[in-house]
N, C-alpha and C. Protein backbone atom coordinates (compact mmCIF):
# COMPACT_ATOMS: atom_id res chain seq x y z
N MET A 1 148.26 104.16 71.45
CA MET A 1 148.52 103.23 70.09
C MET A 1 149.37 103.02 69.44
N ALA A 2 149.85 101.85 68.96
CA ALA A 2 151.18 101.66 67.97
C ALA A 2 150.95 101.95 66.70
N THR A 3 151.97 102.33 66.17
CA THR A 3 152.31 102.89 64.77
C THR A 3 151.58 101.82 63.95
N LEU A 4 150.76 102.20 63.05
CA LEU A 4 149.83 101.69 61.91
C LEU A 4 150.93 100.09 61.48
N SER A 5 150.45 99.20 61.41
CA SER A 5 150.99 98.12 61.50
C SER A 5 151.04 97.44 59.74
N THR A 6 151.84 96.41 59.61
CA THR A 6 151.97 95.71 58.54
C THR A 6 150.55 95.09 57.94
N GLY A 7 150.01 95.12 56.84
CA GLY A 7 148.69 94.43 56.79
C GLY A 7 147.56 95.24 56.99
N LYS A 8 147.73 96.53 57.79
CA LYS A 8 146.44 97.31 57.99
C LYS A 8 146.20 98.15 56.62
N THR A 9 145.09 98.76 56.38
CA THR A 9 144.81 99.59 55.48
C THR A 9 145.10 100.93 55.92
N ALA A 10 145.89 101.52 55.17
CA ALA A 10 146.50 103.04 55.23
C ALA A 10 145.62 104.19 55.25
N PRO A 11 145.23 104.92 56.21
CA PRO A 11 144.30 105.95 56.39
C PRO A 11 144.62 106.93 55.17
N THR A 12 143.15 107.33 54.51
CA THR A 12 143.36 107.97 52.97
C THR A 12 143.68 109.40 53.54
N PHE A 13 144.42 110.46 52.70
CA PHE A 13 144.18 111.86 53.00
C PHE A 13 144.56 112.72 52.20
N GLN A 14 144.98 114.03 51.87
CA GLN A 14 145.08 114.92 51.04
C GLN A 14 145.55 115.70 51.80
N LEU A 15 146.76 116.73 51.44
CA LEU A 15 148.01 117.49 51.69
C LEU A 15 148.37 118.12 50.79
N ALA A 16 148.91 119.33 51.08
CA ALA A 16 149.38 120.41 50.54
C ALA A 16 150.88 120.27 50.21
N THR A 17 151.85 120.37 49.39
CA THR A 17 153.03 120.28 49.26
C THR A 17 153.95 121.26 49.63
N THR A 18 154.98 121.51 49.63
CA THR A 18 155.64 122.50 49.87
C THR A 18 155.57 123.90 48.81
N THR A 19 155.17 123.07 47.36
CA THR A 19 154.94 123.97 46.33
C THR A 19 153.68 124.66 46.10
N GLY A 20 153.02 123.86 47.11
CA GLY A 20 151.09 124.29 46.89
C GLY A 20 150.29 123.36 46.46
N GLU A 21 150.87 122.38 45.76
CA GLU A 21 150.27 121.31 44.92
C GLU A 21 149.52 120.70 46.23
N ARG A 22 148.18 119.78 46.12
CA ARG A 22 147.32 118.88 47.01
C ARG A 22 147.64 117.99 46.30
N LEU A 23 147.87 116.38 47.26
CA LEU A 23 148.40 115.31 46.39
C LEU A 23 147.52 114.62 47.80
N SER A 24 146.47 113.51 47.00
CA SER A 24 145.47 112.72 47.70
C SER A 24 146.00 111.19 47.24
N LEU A 25 146.03 110.57 48.63
CA LEU A 25 146.83 109.24 48.48
C LEU A 25 146.06 108.34 47.65
N PRO A 26 144.59 108.38 47.49
CA PRO A 26 143.86 107.50 46.96
C PRO A 26 144.24 107.88 45.62
N GLU A 27 144.15 109.17 45.21
CA GLU A 27 144.34 109.04 43.27
C GLU A 27 145.85 108.64 43.57
N ALA A 28 146.74 108.94 44.13
CA ALA A 28 148.24 108.29 44.00
C ALA A 28 148.35 106.46 43.82
N LEU A 29 147.45 105.93 44.89
CA LEU A 29 147.50 104.52 44.69
C LEU A 29 147.06 104.01 43.48
N ALA A 30 146.11 104.88 42.99
CA ALA A 30 145.43 104.36 41.47
C ALA A 30 146.60 104.46 40.43
N GLY A 31 147.71 104.69 40.79
CA GLY A 31 148.99 105.00 39.94
C GLY A 31 149.98 103.71 40.26
N GLY A 32 149.98 103.10 41.39
CA GLY A 32 151.00 102.32 42.00
C GLY A 32 151.31 102.67 43.47
N PRO A 33 151.94 101.95 43.81
CA PRO A 33 152.46 101.91 45.33
C PRO A 33 152.87 103.31 45.69
N VAL A 34 152.87 103.71 47.00
CA VAL A 34 153.36 104.77 47.60
C VAL A 34 153.96 104.58 48.78
N LEU A 35 155.56 105.17 48.80
CA LEU A 35 156.18 105.13 50.29
C LEU A 35 156.17 106.51 50.55
N LEU A 36 155.34 106.47 52.23
CA LEU A 36 155.38 107.59 52.75
C LEU A 36 156.42 107.66 54.12
N ALA A 37 157.01 108.74 54.45
CA ALA A 37 158.23 109.13 54.78
C ALA A 37 157.94 110.01 55.87
N PHE A 38 157.43 109.57 56.91
CA PHE A 38 157.12 111.05 57.73
C PHE A 38 158.29 111.41 58.53
N PHE A 39 158.69 112.97 58.69
CA PHE A 39 159.50 113.63 59.10
C PHE A 39 159.71 114.47 59.76
N LYS A 40 160.31 115.15 60.65
CA LYS A 40 160.74 116.19 61.34
C LYS A 40 162.29 116.98 61.00
N VAL A 41 162.44 118.06 60.32
CA VAL A 41 163.56 118.73 59.57
C VAL A 41 164.42 118.53 60.84
N ALA A 42 164.20 118.66 61.92
CA ALA A 42 165.37 118.68 62.70
C ALA A 42 166.08 117.36 63.47
N CYS A 43 165.10 116.37 63.10
CA CYS A 43 165.32 114.91 63.32
C CYS A 43 166.86 114.50 62.85
N PRO A 44 168.02 114.27 63.64
CA PRO A 44 169.28 113.91 62.71
C PRO A 44 169.13 112.38 62.07
N VAL A 45 168.08 111.37 62.78
CA VAL A 45 168.08 110.06 61.88
C VAL A 45 167.24 110.40 60.76
N CYS A 46 166.23 111.55 60.79
CA CYS A 46 165.36 111.69 59.40
C CYS A 46 166.68 112.18 58.26
N GLN A 47 167.53 113.13 58.90
CA GLN A 47 168.34 113.69 57.63
C GLN A 47 169.47 112.48 57.43
N PHE A 48 169.75 111.47 58.24
CA PHE A 48 170.60 110.44 57.56
C PHE A 48 169.66 109.69 56.25
N THR A 49 168.58 109.29 56.70
CA THR A 49 167.78 108.51 55.94
C THR A 49 167.46 108.77 54.59
N PHE A 50 166.94 110.58 54.71
CA PHE A 50 166.38 111.00 53.33
C PHE A 50 167.14 111.00 52.26
N PRO A 51 168.54 110.86 52.15
CA PRO A 51 169.41 110.65 51.00
C PRO A 51 169.09 109.45 50.54
N PHE A 52 169.10 108.30 51.17
CA PHE A 52 168.85 107.20 50.77
C PHE A 52 167.20 106.79 50.09
N LEU A 53 166.51 107.49 50.54
CA LEU A 53 165.05 107.57 50.19
C LEU A 53 165.59 108.35 48.48
N GLU A 54 166.01 109.49 49.13
CA GLU A 54 166.13 110.25 47.22
C GLU A 54 167.08 109.10 46.56
N ARG A 55 167.44 108.40 46.79
CA ARG A 55 168.65 107.41 45.77
C ARG A 55 167.73 106.18 45.42
N ILE A 56 166.67 105.84 46.26
CA ILE A 56 165.63 104.91 45.94
C ILE A 56 164.62 105.87 44.81
N PHE A 57 164.32 106.76 44.73
CA PHE A 57 163.76 107.55 44.26
C PHE A 57 164.28 107.86 42.85
N GLN A 58 165.72 108.14 42.91
CA GLN A 58 166.42 108.10 41.49
C GLN A 58 166.42 106.79 40.90
N GLN A 59 166.87 105.94 41.62
CA GLN A 59 166.57 104.60 40.56
C GLN A 59 165.58 104.37 40.05
N LEU A 60 163.90 104.91 40.66
CA LEU A 60 162.91 103.84 40.17
C LEU A 60 161.97 105.25 39.67
N HIS A 61 162.54 106.30 39.60
CA HIS A 61 161.35 107.19 39.42
C HIS A 61 160.93 107.32 37.85
N GLU A 62 161.82 106.93 36.99
CA GLU A 62 161.41 106.35 35.57
C GLU A 62 160.22 105.59 35.33
N GLN A 63 160.21 104.45 36.48
CA GLN A 63 159.02 103.55 36.35
C GLN A 63 157.85 103.92 36.97
N GLY A 64 157.79 105.03 37.30
CA GLY A 64 156.79 105.46 38.16
C GLY A 64 156.54 105.33 39.85
N VAL A 65 157.78 105.38 40.34
CA VAL A 65 158.00 105.11 42.18
C VAL A 65 157.24 106.64 42.50
N GLN A 66 156.47 106.31 43.71
CA GLN A 66 155.98 107.74 44.24
C GLN A 66 156.79 107.44 45.48
N ILE A 67 157.25 108.53 45.77
CA ILE A 67 157.72 108.64 47.27
C ILE A 67 157.17 110.06 47.73
N TRP A 68 156.63 110.03 48.77
CA TRP A 68 156.10 111.50 49.48
C TRP A 68 157.28 111.51 51.06
N GLY A 69 157.55 112.53 51.18
CA GLY A 69 158.27 112.80 52.60
C GLY A 69 156.98 113.75 53.24
N VAL A 70 156.56 113.34 54.30
CA VAL A 70 155.48 114.02 55.30
C VAL A 70 156.08 114.99 56.07
N VAL A 71 156.28 116.04 56.20
CA VAL A 71 157.03 116.98 57.26
C VAL A 71 155.96 117.32 58.35
N GLN A 72 156.27 117.32 59.41
CA GLN A 72 155.46 117.75 60.68
C GLN A 72 155.93 118.87 61.35
N ASP A 73 156.66 119.85 60.32
CA ASP A 73 156.93 121.33 60.37
C ASP A 73 156.52 121.97 59.53
N LYS A 74 156.63 123.35 59.29
CA LYS A 74 155.92 124.48 58.41
C LYS A 74 156.59 124.10 56.79
N ALA A 75 155.67 124.78 55.91
CA ALA A 75 156.36 124.19 54.53
C ALA A 75 157.68 125.21 54.40
N ALA A 76 157.88 126.00 54.64
CA ALA A 76 159.35 126.73 54.53
C ALA A 76 160.55 125.69 54.97
N ASP A 77 159.89 125.19 56.27
CA ASP A 77 161.33 124.46 56.82
C ASP A 77 161.17 122.95 56.02
N GLY A 78 160.34 122.42 55.31
CA GLY A 78 160.06 121.37 54.92
C GLY A 78 160.88 121.74 53.27
N ALA A 79 160.98 122.77 52.72
CA ALA A 79 161.44 123.23 51.31
C ALA A 79 162.79 123.19 51.75
N ARG A 80 163.33 124.23 52.82
CA ARG A 80 164.86 124.04 53.15
C ARG A 80 165.64 122.90 53.38
N PHE A 81 164.45 121.61 54.12
CA PHE A 81 165.30 120.59 54.19
C PHE A 81 165.14 119.99 52.76
N ALA A 82 164.37 119.72 51.87
CA ALA A 82 164.63 118.92 50.69
C ALA A 82 165.68 119.62 49.88
N ALA A 83 165.76 121.01 50.04
CA ALA A 83 167.18 121.56 49.16
C ALA A 83 168.26 121.28 50.04
N SER A 84 168.77 121.30 51.41
CA SER A 84 169.52 121.06 51.87
C SER A 84 169.82 119.30 51.81
N TYR A 85 169.06 118.41 51.64
CA TYR A 85 169.55 116.95 51.45
C TYR A 85 168.93 116.33 49.81
N GLU A 86 169.13 117.63 49.03
CA GLU A 86 168.80 117.29 47.49
C GLU A 86 167.59 116.08 47.42
N VAL A 87 166.56 116.63 48.20
CA VAL A 87 165.40 115.80 48.01
C VAL A 87 164.53 116.22 47.18
N THR A 88 164.28 115.59 46.01
CA THR A 88 163.70 115.95 44.69
C THR A 88 161.89 115.41 44.66
N PHE A 89 161.85 114.43 45.64
CA PHE A 89 160.12 113.81 45.46
C PHE A 89 159.78 114.78 46.60
N PRO A 90 158.13 114.81 46.37
CA PRO A 90 157.00 115.95 47.01
C PRO A 90 157.55 115.96 48.39
N ILE A 91 157.28 117.02 48.94
CA ILE A 91 157.51 117.19 50.46
C ILE A 91 155.88 117.75 50.81
N LEU A 92 155.20 116.85 51.70
CA LEU A 92 153.71 117.26 51.94
C LEU A 92 153.90 118.07 53.38
N ILE A 93 153.19 118.93 53.77
CA ILE A 93 153.08 119.67 54.79
C ILE A 93 151.96 118.83 55.92
N ASP A 94 152.44 118.47 56.99
CA ASP A 94 151.49 117.91 58.04
C ASP A 94 152.16 118.52 59.32
N ASP A 95 151.53 119.79 59.26
CA ASP A 95 151.99 120.71 60.67
C ASP A 95 150.91 120.79 61.69
N ALA A 96 151.09 121.19 63.04
CA ALA A 96 150.49 121.16 64.22
C ALA A 96 149.02 121.56 63.84
N PRO A 97 148.36 120.54 63.94
CA PRO A 97 148.41 119.69 65.27
C PRO A 97 148.41 118.37 64.71
N TYR A 98 149.08 118.35 63.66
CA TYR A 98 149.65 116.80 63.05
C TYR A 98 148.49 116.11 62.56
N LYS A 99 147.23 116.41 61.97
CA LYS A 99 146.21 115.45 61.76
C LYS A 99 146.65 113.88 60.87
N VAL A 100 147.48 114.14 59.90
CA VAL A 100 147.93 112.95 59.43
C VAL A 100 148.83 111.63 60.01
N SER A 101 149.64 112.77 60.74
CA SER A 101 150.48 111.76 61.70
C SER A 101 149.64 110.70 62.75
N ARG A 102 148.53 111.65 63.10
CA ARG A 102 147.87 111.19 64.09
C ARG A 102 146.83 109.89 63.77
N LEU A 103 146.30 109.99 62.52
CA LEU A 103 145.99 108.85 61.55
C LEU A 103 146.87 107.58 61.52
N TYR A 104 148.15 107.78 61.64
CA TYR A 104 148.85 106.66 61.32
C TYR A 104 149.63 105.90 62.76
N ASN A 105 149.29 107.01 63.87
CA ASN A 105 149.36 106.72 65.33
C ASN A 105 150.96 106.55 64.96
N LEU A 106 151.22 107.75 64.78
CA LEU A 106 153.23 107.78 64.88
C LEU A 106 153.81 107.93 66.10
N GLU A 107 154.55 107.45 66.43
CA GLU A 107 155.54 107.41 67.82
C GLU A 107 157.02 107.88 67.34
N HIS A 108 157.52 107.72 66.47
CA HIS A 108 158.69 108.40 66.56
C HIS A 108 158.62 108.60 64.90
N VAL A 109 160.06 109.72 64.36
CA VAL A 109 160.11 109.88 63.11
C VAL A 109 161.67 109.26 62.93
N PRO A 110 162.37 109.22 61.93
CA PRO A 110 161.33 108.89 60.52
C PRO A 110 160.60 107.78 60.58
N THR A 111 159.20 107.51 60.24
CA THR A 111 158.70 106.18 59.90
C THR A 111 158.12 106.34 58.49
N LEU A 112 158.29 105.08 57.87
CA LEU A 112 158.04 104.85 56.57
C LEU A 112 156.90 103.80 56.50
N PHE A 113 155.94 103.90 55.64
CA PHE A 113 155.20 103.06 55.54
C PHE A 113 155.00 103.10 53.32
N LEU A 114 155.29 101.64 53.44
CA LEU A 114 155.07 101.28 51.92
C LEU A 114 153.62 100.85 51.70
N VAL A 115 152.97 102.04 51.07
CA VAL A 115 151.26 101.60 50.92
C VAL A 115 151.19 100.78 49.41
N LYS A 116 150.56 99.55 49.38
CA LYS A 116 150.45 99.02 48.02
C LYS A 116 149.08 99.63 47.33
N PRO A 117 148.96 99.42 46.16
CA PRO A 117 147.96 100.03 45.16
C PRO A 117 146.50 99.86 45.85
N ASP A 118 146.42 98.46 46.63
CA ASP A 118 145.19 98.09 47.05
C ASP A 118 144.90 99.07 48.51
N GLY A 119 145.91 99.99 48.82
CA GLY A 119 146.00 100.60 50.33
C GLY A 119 146.54 99.86 51.39
N ARG A 120 146.71 99.06 51.42
CA ARG A 120 147.48 98.10 52.40
C ARG A 120 148.77 98.28 53.12
N VAL A 121 149.12 98.61 53.87
CA VAL A 121 150.56 98.71 54.22
C VAL A 121 151.36 97.34 54.08
N GLU A 122 152.28 97.43 53.35
CA GLU A 122 153.11 96.21 53.39
C GLU A 122 154.47 96.32 53.99
N ILE A 123 155.04 97.45 54.15
CA ILE A 123 155.91 97.47 54.95
C ILE A 123 155.96 98.77 55.88
N ALA A 124 156.07 98.85 57.17
CA ALA A 124 156.36 99.83 58.39
C ALA A 124 157.41 99.57 58.74
N SER A 125 157.99 100.94 58.87
CA SER A 125 159.41 100.74 59.48
C SER A 125 159.67 102.18 60.19
N GLU A 126 160.19 102.23 61.23
CA GLU A 126 160.38 103.27 62.18
C GLU A 126 162.20 103.23 62.49
N GLY A 127 162.67 104.60 62.73
CA GLY A 127 163.70 105.19 62.42
C GLY A 127 164.81 104.68 61.10
N PHE A 128 165.90 104.72 61.10
CA PHE A 128 166.75 104.13 60.34
C PHE A 128 167.23 102.57 60.00
N CYS A 129 166.28 101.64 59.51
CA CYS A 129 166.68 100.33 59.52
C CYS A 129 167.34 99.79 57.81
N LYS A 130 168.49 99.57 58.03
CA LYS A 130 168.97 98.95 56.58
C LYS A 130 167.94 97.92 56.12
N ALA A 131 167.95 96.84 56.70
CA ALA A 131 166.89 95.96 55.96
C ALA A 131 165.76 96.47 55.68
N ASP A 132 165.13 96.86 56.38
CA ASP A 132 163.84 97.75 55.88
C ASP A 132 163.87 98.53 54.40
N LEU A 133 164.81 99.34 54.57
CA LEU A 133 165.09 100.12 53.46
C LEU A 133 165.65 99.11 51.91
N LEU A 134 165.97 98.02 52.45
CA LEU A 134 166.36 96.93 51.14
C LEU A 134 165.24 96.59 50.79
N ALA A 135 164.37 95.99 52.04
CA ALA A 135 163.16 95.50 51.70
C ALA A 135 162.09 96.27 50.76
N ILE A 136 162.15 97.48 51.15
CA ILE A 136 161.59 98.46 50.76
C ILE A 136 161.59 98.61 48.84
N GLN A 137 163.45 98.72 48.94
CA GLN A 137 163.80 98.81 47.36
C GLN A 137 163.24 97.61 46.71
N LYS A 138 163.23 96.84 47.20
CA LYS A 138 163.03 95.00 46.08
C LYS A 138 161.52 95.04 46.02
N SER A 139 160.79 95.30 47.49
CA SER A 139 158.90 95.37 46.87
C SER A 139 159.00 96.58 45.60
N LEU A 140 159.56 97.56 45.59
CA LEU A 140 159.18 98.82 44.74
C LEU A 140 159.89 98.05 43.34
N ALA A 141 160.67 97.42 43.41
CA ALA A 141 161.47 97.25 41.95
C ALA A 141 160.69 96.16 41.43
N GLN A 142 160.12 94.80 42.42
CA GLN A 142 159.36 93.97 41.65
C GLN A 142 158.02 94.55 41.34
N LEU A 143 157.31 95.26 42.16
CA LEU A 143 155.95 95.89 41.79
C LEU A 143 156.22 96.90 40.52
N LEU A 144 157.00 97.40 40.24
CA LEU A 144 157.34 98.30 39.07
C LEU A 144 158.20 97.60 37.91
N SER A 145 158.49 96.69 38.09
CA SER A 145 159.17 95.56 37.01
C SER A 145 160.49 96.03 36.95
N ALA A 146 161.64 96.34 37.61
CA ALA A 146 162.50 97.39 37.35
C ALA A 146 163.72 96.32 37.91
N ALA A 147 164.96 96.87 37.93
CA ALA A 147 166.09 96.33 38.41
C ALA A 147 167.22 97.57 38.77
N PRO A 148 166.64 97.93 40.21
CA PRO A 148 167.92 98.74 40.35
C PRO A 148 169.16 98.75 40.74
N PRO A 149 170.16 99.46 40.66
CA PRO A 149 171.27 99.06 41.12
C PRO A 149 171.47 99.00 42.58
N ALA A 150 172.22 98.48 43.05
CA ALA A 150 172.34 98.51 44.81
C ALA A 150 172.38 99.93 45.54
N LEU A 151 171.42 99.40 46.47
CA LEU A 151 170.94 100.95 47.45
C LEU A 151 172.32 101.16 47.98
N PHE A 152 172.95 100.31 48.92
CA PHE A 152 174.13 101.06 49.59
C PHE A 152 175.65 100.44 48.68
N LEU A 153 176.32 101.61 48.57
CA LEU A 153 177.42 101.28 48.00
C LEU A 153 178.29 100.86 48.93
N PRO A 154 179.76 99.58 48.37
CA PRO A 154 180.48 99.21 49.27
C PRO A 154 181.34 99.76 50.05
N THR A 155 181.41 101.16 49.36
CA THR A 155 182.32 102.02 50.26
C THR A 155 181.76 102.64 51.38
N GLU A 156 180.30 102.51 51.45
CA GLU A 156 180.05 103.00 52.63
C GLU A 156 179.62 102.49 53.75
N LYS A 157 179.79 103.02 54.88
CA LYS A 157 179.78 102.45 55.96
C LYS A 157 178.39 102.68 56.77
N ILE A 158 177.29 101.79 56.50
CA ILE A 158 175.89 101.94 56.76
C ILE A 158 175.99 101.03 58.31
N PRO A 159 175.26 101.51 59.40
CA PRO A 159 174.49 100.89 60.46
C PRO A 159 173.62 100.22 59.97
N GLU A 160 173.21 99.07 60.83
CA GLU A 160 172.07 98.65 60.66
C GLU A 160 171.04 99.20 61.03
N TYR A 161 170.97 99.73 62.16
CA TYR A 161 169.81 100.57 62.65
C TYR A 161 170.22 101.80 63.29
N LYS A 162 169.22 102.62 63.35
CA LYS A 162 169.66 103.88 64.00
C LYS A 162 168.34 104.16 64.50
N PRO A 163 167.73 104.42 65.79
CA PRO A 163 166.58 104.66 66.26
C PRO A 163 165.92 105.92 66.08
N GLY A 164 165.09 106.11 65.61
CA GLY A 164 164.46 107.69 65.67
C GLY A 164 164.31 108.36 66.78
């Protein structure tokens, strides 16, 4: 099966974070859009992508942006990843047998899903895709009535795409 696509309803779930808190997608969507970022700690493309997700989070967290990392590893590994890459948004644990990842039909990591408050996937993205990250930032800014600064700095050499 292909990864969950744009326009489809995102499967609902509840998972524990690396700190033990339980988060529920339906409850979170009641407060606005949620960006789900599925990853593995050893994935080099995930390591490349997450600092940009953190940048979006820092730009929009005061307006209520919700970004969740969903790690396919143990809680301790997810916590170490977050510390190493200075990720401050919640990291949820979906370790073996990867029930939530299977609900979303993941084929690669990282895979991102921007889920609108109505539960539908607005943007689905695999690997690192510069255009998709810009579209996610723009959509979140519009939904949250915000005007964030540029996601990519002029001094950064950012590839258009890196497969996961």
